[in-house]
Amino acid sequence: MRAETTARAEREGDAHAGASRRGPAPHNPQLSRRASAIALGLALALIVAKVWGWHVTGSIALLASAGDGLVDALGAVATFTGIRYAHHPADPEHRFGHGKGEALAAFTLAVLLATTGVLFGAQSIWRLIFPEALTGLQLGLVVAAASLVTSGALVAMQTWVLRRTASTAIAADQAHYRTDVVVNLGVLVALGVTWISGWNRADPAFALAIALYMLWNAKDIARAASVQLLDEELSPAERARIRAAALSCPGALAIHDIRSRNAGDCIFIEFHLEVNGELTVHDGHRIVDAAEAAVAALFEGGVEVIGHLEPVGIVDERLDERIRRPPRAAAKTGANTI
């Protein structure tokens, strides 16, 4: 993920390719780790309270909320681990860094959330068909109200942290705790309706709504994480800006095979820049350096730009052409030089 502070630009290259690097902006890893640790502690406390409330009342909605709390705790562990891993520097085995650790933690959270939603959705349907009377509703109302206040305070804290870290894992955790706010509100309403009206199907009806909402949020979290995990390209508008910036440099005649990916703490951009073939390698290299710097200046935070030098009009196998072919035709061609 791009951080908000612009980092220092670095350059390196060889006779055939140059690279312009801007180090990843500070993600404030200490603040991210502290926030994930607080979330884990509160999640464990809420699990105990909700399980106790379910044991006393028999509320399936409160049980669903307790299950969501368990996912909170497991998700907080995944978030804490993912953040610590993502902030490890690049090493010989991971030369692109470890930024995808946060996205992996977010996807794990989505799977846990979806699994919980399916399980409690099925249980809720069973209780709708075969309703059961609830007991100790006043205690259940107290537990639900306290959980609502706690989860709301946690979302506010994570919002504050996100403004200072731009952490993918904290963002996923916050999205989940926004769900938790709705879950706790639904439990509070369900128990209140049951207490006032005596309608025993109110509890499983709200529990089913909570389960569906959990599934919806799991989809959104998984979609956001997949952008990094599957190396999704930048938007067409950003690709157009990259093309325009590179070609604005004197001596840059054409560009092709632009590709990019978001690695969490850094965006990687590559392209092939065509220059006059009669230029010396050194002159061509200077043009590529300028194009790399122009592209890097478009983005705030961690970005690494690598330009490949080629003579204008060169005929070779290109990525742009390969991805436009039907899948079978591309498979026959194989992985040739881009």
Protein backbone atom coordinates (compact mmCIF):
# COMPACT_ATOMS: atom_id res chain seq x y z
CA MET A 1 0.00 0.00 0.00
CA ARG A 2 1.25 3.50 -0.76
CA ALA A 3 2.13 5.43 2.35
CA GLU A 4 1.48 9.17 2.52
CA THR A 5 5.06 10.38 3.01
CA THR A 6 7.25 10.67 -0.10
CA ALA A 7 10.44 8.67 0.25
CA ARG A 8 13.91 9.23 -1.06
CA ALA A 9 14.50 8.29 -4.73
CA GLU A 10 17.33 5.98 -5.68
CA ARG A 11 18.71 5.01 -9.08
CA GLU A 12 20.58 2.04 -10.34
CA GLY A 13 21.03 0.43 -13.75
CA ASP A 14 23.21 -1.45 -16.21
CA ALA A 15 23.94 -1.22 -19.94
CA HIS A 16 20.48 -2.50 -20.88
CA ALA A 17 18.18 -1.31 -18.09
CA GLY A 18 17.97 1.40 -15.50
CA ALA A 19 16.06 1.59 -12.28
CA SER A 20 14.76 4.48 -10.26
CA ARG A 21 13.78 3.69 -6.69
CA ARG A 22 11.98 5.57 -4.02
CA GLY A 23 12.14 3.86 -0.66
CA PRO A 24 8.86 2.94 1.02
CA ALA A 25 7.34 5.71 3.08
CA PRO A 26 7.33 5.19 6.85
CA HIS A 27 4.45 2.89 7.77
CA ASN A 28 4.99 3.49 11.50
CA PRO A 29 5.22 -0.25 12.23
CA GLN A 30 5.32 0.32 15.99
CA LEU A 31 1.94 2.07 15.90
CA SER A 32 0.49 -0.68 13.68
CA ARG A 33 1.73 -3.41 16.01
CA ARG A 34 0.43 -1.58 19.08
CA ALA A 35 -3.01 -1.15 17.48
CA SER A 36 -3.19 -4.83 16.51
CA ALA A 37 -2.18 -5.88 20.05
CA ILE A 38 -4.93 -3.71 21.56
CA ALA A 39 -7.45 -5.21 19.14
CA LEU A 40 -6.40 -8.71 20.14
CA GLY A 41 -6.80 -7.97 23.86
CA LEU A 42 -10.25 -6.45 23.44
CA ALA A 43 -11.34 -9.31 21.16
CA LEU A 44 -10.43 -11.88 23.82
CA ALA A 45 -12.32 -9.93 26.51
CA LEU A 46 -15.43 -9.68 24.32
CA ILE A 47 -15.35 -13.42 23.56
CA VAL A 48 -15.45 -14.27 27.25
CA ALA A 49 -18.30 -11.82 27.89
CA LYS A 50 -20.41 -12.99 24.95
CA VAL A 51 -19.95 -16.71 25.61
CA TRP A 52 -20.99 -16.10 29.21
CA GLY A 53 -24.02 -14.13 28.02
CA TRP A 54 -24.99 -16.88 25.56
CA HIS A 55 -24.64 -19.51 28.29
CA VAL A 56 -27.04 -17.55 30.52
CA THR A 57 -29.60 -16.46 27.90
CA GLY A 58 -29.44 -19.14 25.19
CA SER A 59 -29.50 -16.35 22.56
CA ILE A 60 -28.37 -17.54 19.12
CA ALA A 61 -27.75 -13.91 18.17
CA LEU A 62 -25.40 -13.54 21.12
CA LEU A 63 -23.73 -16.82 20.14
CA ALA A 64 -23.26 -15.51 16.60
CA SER A 65 -21.71 -12.39 18.07
CA ALA A 66 -19.43 -14.55 20.23
CA GLY A 67 -18.39 -16.48 17.12
CA ASP A 68 -17.69 -13.20 15.39
CA GLY A 69 -15.60 -12.26 18.41
CA LEU A 70 -13.60 -15.46 18.01
CA VAL A 71 -12.94 -14.47 14.41
CA ASP A 72 -11.89 -11.06 15.74
CA ALA A 73 -9.30 -12.72 17.97
CA LEU A 74 -7.98 -15.04 15.26
CA GLY A 75 -8.00 -12.13 12.82
CA ALA A 76 -6.10 -9.94 15.27
CA VAL A 77 -3.45 -12.66 15.55
CA ALA A 78 -3.24 -12.86 11.76
CA THR A 79 -3.08 -9.06 11.51
CA PHE A 80 -0.37 -8.77 14.16
CA THR A 81 1.68 -11.51 12.48
CA GLY A 82 1.11 -10.08 9.00
CA ILE A 83 2.20 -6.59 10.01
CA ARG A 84 5.39 -7.85 11.66
CA TYR A 85 6.23 -9.95 8.61
CA ALA A 86 5.36 -7.21 6.08
CA HIS A 87 7.79 -4.75 7.64
CA HIS A 88 10.79 -7.06 7.35
CA PRO A 89 13.31 -5.62 4.87
CA ALA A 90 14.04 -7.33 1.56
CA ASP A 91 16.36 -10.34 1.80
CA PRO A 92 18.01 -12.77 -0.64
CA GLU A 93 14.90 -15.00 -0.69
CA HIS A 94 12.39 -12.09 -0.95
CA ARG A 95 14.01 -9.43 -3.11
CA PHE A 96 10.68 -7.64 -3.64
CA GLY A 97 10.23 -7.32 0.12
CA HIS A 98 7.53 -8.80 2.37
CA GLY A 99 4.73 -6.28 1.83
CA LYS A 100 2.19 -8.92 0.79
CA GLY A 101 2.22 -10.28 4.35
CA GLU A 102 -0.47 -7.74 5.25
CA ALA A 103 -2.66 -8.75 2.31
CA LEU A 104 -2.27 -12.41 3.26
CA ALA A 105 -3.40 -11.56 6.81
CA ALA A 106 -6.40 -9.70 5.40
CA PHE A 107 -7.39 -12.63 3.18
CA THR A 108 -7.11 -15.01 6.15
CA LEU A 109 -9.46 -12.73 8.05
CA ALA A 110 -11.94 -12.83 5.16
CA VAL A 111 -11.93 -16.64 5.13
CA LEU A 112 -12.53 -16.78 8.89
CA LEU A 113 -15.33 -14.26 8.64
CA ALA A 114 -17.04 -16.11 5.77
CA THR A 115 -16.79 -19.47 7.57
CA THR A 116 -18.35 -18.01 10.70
CA GLY A 117 -21.13 -16.44 8.68
CA VAL A 118 -22.03 -19.74 7.01
CA LEU A 119 -22.05 -21.68 10.30
CA PHE A 120 -24.20 -19.22 12.20
CA GLY A 121 -26.47 -18.65 9.22
CA ALA A 122 -27.30 -22.35 9.24
CA GLN A 123 -27.85 -22.32 13.02
CA SER A 124 -30.11 -19.28 12.72
CA ILE A 125 -32.29 -20.97 10.11
CA TRP A 126 -32.63 -23.98 12.42
CA ARG A 127 -33.78 -21.75 15.28
CA LEU A 128 -36.28 -20.00 13.02
CA ILE A 129 -37.86 -23.36 12.26
CA PHE A 130 -37.64 -24.61 15.85
CA PRO A 131 -37.66 -21.52 18.13
CA GLU A 132 -36.56 -21.71 21.76
CA ALA A 133 -37.44 -19.42 24.66
CA LEU A 134 -34.65 -17.20 26.03
CA THR A 135 -33.74 -16.56 29.67
CA GLY A 136 -31.76 -13.88 31.52
CA LEU A 137 -32.52 -11.26 28.86
CA GLN A 138 -31.53 -8.31 31.03
CA LEU A 139 -28.02 -9.68 31.44
CA GLY A 140 -27.84 -10.33 27.73
CA LEU A 141 -28.81 -6.71 27.05
CA VAL A 142 -26.01 -5.48 29.30
CA VAL A 143 -23.44 -7.68 27.55
CA ALA A 144 -24.61 -6.58 24.10
CA ALA A 145 -24.56 -2.89 25.05
CA ALA A 146 -21.06 -3.12 26.53
CA SER A 147 -19.83 -4.96 23.44
CA LEU A 148 -21.33 -2.28 21.19
CA VAL A 149 -19.54 0.52 23.04
CA THR A 150 -16.23 -1.37 23.06
CA SER A 151 -16.28 -2.23 19.36
CA GLY A 152 -17.25 1.35 18.46
CA ALA A 153 -14.30 2.71 20.45
CA LEU A 154 -12.00 0.20 18.75
CA VAL A 155 -13.12 1.29 15.25
CA ALA A 156 -12.43 4.92 16.19
CA MET A 157 -8.96 3.99 17.41
CA GLN A 158 -8.17 2.03 14.23
CA THR A 159 -9.41 4.90 12.05
CA TRP A 160 -6.91 7.17 13.81
CA VAL A 161 -4.13 4.61 13.28
CA LEU A 162 -4.97 4.18 9.58
CA ARG A 163 -4.48 7.89 8.94
CA ARG A 164 -0.92 7.51 10.15
CA THR A 165 0.07 4.08 8.80
CA ALA A 166 -2.01 3.20 5.69
CA SER A 167 -1.75 -0.43 6.82
CA THR A 168 -3.61 -2.99 4.68
CA ALA A 169 -4.02 -5.37 7.61
CA ILE A 170 -5.30 -2.67 9.98
CA ALA A 171 -7.73 -1.56 7.26
CA ALA A 172 -9.07 -5.11 6.96
CA ASP A 173 -9.31 -5.42 10.74
CA GLN A 174 -11.17 -2.11 10.92
CA ALA A 175 -13.62 -3.26 8.24
CA HIS A 176 -14.26 -6.35 10.35
CA TYR A 177 -14.81 -4.33 13.52
CA ARG A 178 -17.25 -2.09 11.65
CA THR A 179 -19.11 -5.33 11.04
CA ASP A 180 -18.79 -6.06 14.74
CA VAL A 181 -20.49 -2.76 15.57
CA VAL A 182 -23.46 -3.77 13.42
CA VAL A 183 -23.39 -7.28 14.90
CA ASN A 184 -23.55 -5.97 18.46
CA LEU A 185 -26.28 -3.49 17.54
CA GLY A 186 -28.28 -6.30 15.97
CA VAL A 187 -27.88 -8.46 19.09
CA LEU A 188 -29.01 -5.56 21.25
CA VAL A 189 -32.09 -4.99 19.10
CA ALA A 190 -32.90 -8.71 18.93
CA LEU A 191 -32.75 -9.17 22.68
CA GLY A 192 -34.70 -5.96 23.21
CA VAL A 193 -37.49 -7.05 20.87
CA THR A 194 -37.62 -10.48 22.50
CA TRP A 195 -37.71 -8.94 25.99
CA ILE A 196 -40.48 -6.50 25.08
CA SER A 197 -42.66 -8.65 22.81
CA GLY A 198 -41.83 -12.22 23.82
CA TRP A 199 -41.41 -13.16 20.13
CA ASN A 200 -38.78 -15.93 20.22
CA ARG A 201 -38.08 -15.82 16.49
CA ALA A 202 -36.71 -12.28 16.74
CA ASP A 203 -33.39 -13.60 18.07
CA PRO A 204 -32.62 -16.07 15.22
CA ALA A 205 -33.99 -13.62 12.62
CA PHE A 206 -31.46 -11.00 13.68
CA ALA A 207 -28.77 -13.68 13.93
CA LEU A 208 -29.43 -14.65 10.29
CA ALA A 209 -29.16 -11.00 9.24
CA ILE A 210 -25.85 -10.78 11.10
CA ALA A 211 -24.56 -13.90 9.32
CA LEU A 212 -25.44 -12.47 5.90
CA TYR A 213 -23.75 -9.18 6.77
CA MET A 214 -20.63 -11.08 7.82
CA LEU A 215 -20.54 -12.85 4.44
CA TRP A 216 -20.92 -9.54 2.60
CA ASN A 217 -18.02 -7.97 4.47
CA ALA A 218 -15.86 -11.07 3.98
CA LYS A 219 -16.32 -10.61 0.23
CA ASP A 220 -15.18 -6.97 0.38
CA ILE A 221 -12.12 -7.79 2.51
CA ALA A 222 -11.12 -10.67 0.22
CA ARG A 223 -11.52 -8.47 -2.86
CA ALA A 224 -9.27 -5.77 -1.40
CA ALA A 225 -6.60 -8.31 -0.40
CA SER A 226 -6.66 -10.01 -3.80
CA VAL A 227 -5.53 -6.76 -5.48
CA GLN A 228 -2.10 -7.33 -3.91
CA LEU A 229 -2.05 -11.12 -3.77
CA LEU A 230 -2.90 -11.50 -7.47
CA ASP A 231 -0.69 -8.62 -8.67
CA GLU A 232 -3.57 -6.62 -10.11
CA GLU A 233 -2.53 -3.85 -12.49
CA LEU A 234 -2.92 -0.18 -11.65
CA SER A 235 -6.02 1.49 -13.07
CA PRO A 236 -6.14 2.48 -16.78
CA ALA A 237 -5.99 6.14 -15.72
CA GLU A 238 -2.77 5.57 -13.75
CA ARG A 239 -1.26 3.57 -16.61
CA ALA A 240 -2.06 6.48 -18.95
CA ARG A 241 -0.28 8.85 -16.57
CA ILE A 242 2.76 6.54 -16.53
CA ARG A 243 2.85 6.47 -20.33
CA ALA A 244 2.52 10.26 -20.61
CA ALA A 245 5.20 10.93 -17.98
CA ALA A 246 7.73 8.62 -19.62
CA LEU A 247 7.13 9.96 -23.13
CA SER A 248 7.39 13.55 -21.93
CA CYS A 249 11.14 13.09 -21.45
CA PRO A 250 13.34 14.33 -24.34
CA GLY A 251 14.60 11.43 -26.42
CA ALA A 252 11.81 9.02 -25.41
CA LEU A 253 10.19 7.99 -28.71
CA ALA A 254 7.88 5.12 -27.76
CA ILE A 255 6.93 2.92 -24.82
CA HIS A 256 5.45 -0.54 -24.54
CA ASP A 257 4.92 -3.44 -22.14
CA ILE A 258 3.98 -1.28 -19.16
CA ARG A 259 3.14 -3.43 -16.18
CA SER A 260 2.68 -2.76 -12.51
CA ARG A 261 1.75 -4.40 -9.25
CA ASN A 262 1.03 -3.38 -5.68
CA ALA A 263 3.14 -5.31 -3.15
CA GLY A 264 1.61 -3.66 -0.11
CA ASP A 265 4.41 -1.41 1.05
CA CYS A 266 5.65 -0.62 -2.47
CA ILE A 267 4.33 -0.27 -6.02
CA PHE A 268 6.48 -1.85 -8.74
CA ILE A 269 6.35 -0.45 -12.29
CA GLU A 270 8.18 -1.73 -15.36
CA PHE A 271 8.20 -0.57 -18.98
CA HIS A 272 10.22 -0.81 -22.18
CA LEU A 273 11.33 2.60 -23.48
CA GLU A 274 12.31 3.00 -27.12
CA VAL A 275 14.97 5.57 -28.10
CA ASN A 276 16.97 6.38 -31.23
CA GLY A 277 19.01 3.28 -32.00
CA GLU A 278 21.99 5.35 -33.12
CA LEU A 279 22.51 6.81 -29.65
CA THR A 280 25.28 5.49 -27.45
CA VAL A 281 24.32 3.20 -24.61
CA HIS A 282 25.21 5.93 -22.11
CA ASP A 283 22.98 8.50 -23.82
CA GLY A 284 20.11 6.04 -24.01
CA HIS A 285 20.60 5.13 -20.39
CA ARG A 286 20.30 8.78 -19.35
CA ILE A 287 16.96 9.02 -21.17
CA VAL A 288 15.68 5.93 -19.36
CA ASP A 289 16.86 7.37 -16.04
CA ALA A 290 14.89 10.56 -16.71
CA ALA A 291 11.77 8.56 -17.65
CA GLU A 292 12.03 6.47 -14.50
CA ALA A 293 12.32 9.57 -12.33
CA ALA A 294 9.32 11.18 -14.07
CA VAL A 295 7.17 8.09 -13.44
CA ALA A 296 8.32 7.75 -9.83
CA ALA A 297 7.35 11.38 -9.19
CA LEU A 298 3.71 10.52 -9.99
CA PHE A 299 3.29 8.44 -6.83
CA GLU A 300 3.60 9.20 -3.16
CA GLY A 301 5.16 6.61 -0.88
CA GLY A 302 7.04 3.46 -1.81
CA VAL A 303 7.47 2.99 -5.55
CA GLU A 304 10.14 1.27 -7.64
CA VAL A 305 10.36 1.97 -11.36
CA ILE A 306 12.44 -0.11 -13.78
CA GLY A 307 12.82 0.96 -17.41
CA HIS A 308 14.30 -1.28 -20.10
CA LEU A 309 16.22 0.43 -22.91
CA GLU A 310 15.42 -0.60 -26.51
CA PRO A 311 16.04 0.88 -29.98
CA VAL A 312 12.94 2.39 -31.58
CA GLY A 313 11.07 0.09 -33.96
CA ILE A 314 12.54 -3.11 -32.58
CA VAL A 315 10.57 -6.22 -33.54
CA ASP A 316 10.29 -8.71 -30.70
CA GLU A 317 7.75 -10.71 -28.72
CA ARG A 318 5.84 -8.23 -26.56
CA LEU A 319 3.67 -8.63 -23.52
CA ASP A 320 1.14 -6.16 -24.95
CA GLU A 321 0.62 -8.44 -27.95
CA ARG A 322 0.64 -11.68 -25.99
CA ILE A 323 -2.14 -10.70 -23.57
CA ARG A 324 -4.40 -9.62 -26.45
CA ARG A 325 -4.29 -13.09 -28.01
CA PRO A 326 -6.82 -15.82 -27.23
CA PRO A 327 -5.60 -18.02 -24.35
CA ARG A 328 -4.82 -21.00 -26.60
CA ALA A 329 -2.73 -18.94 -29.01
CA ALA A 330 -0.80 -17.41 -26.12
CA ALA A 331 -0.14 -20.86 -24.65
CA LYS A 332 1.34 -22.08 -27.93
CA THR A 333 3.68 -19.11 -28.10
CA GLY A 334 5.01 -19.72 -24.60
CA ALA A 335 6.89 -17.37 -22.32
CA ASN A 336 9.13 -15.60 -24.80
CA THR A 337 11.12 -12.46 -24.20
CA ILE A 338 8.89 -9.51 -23.32
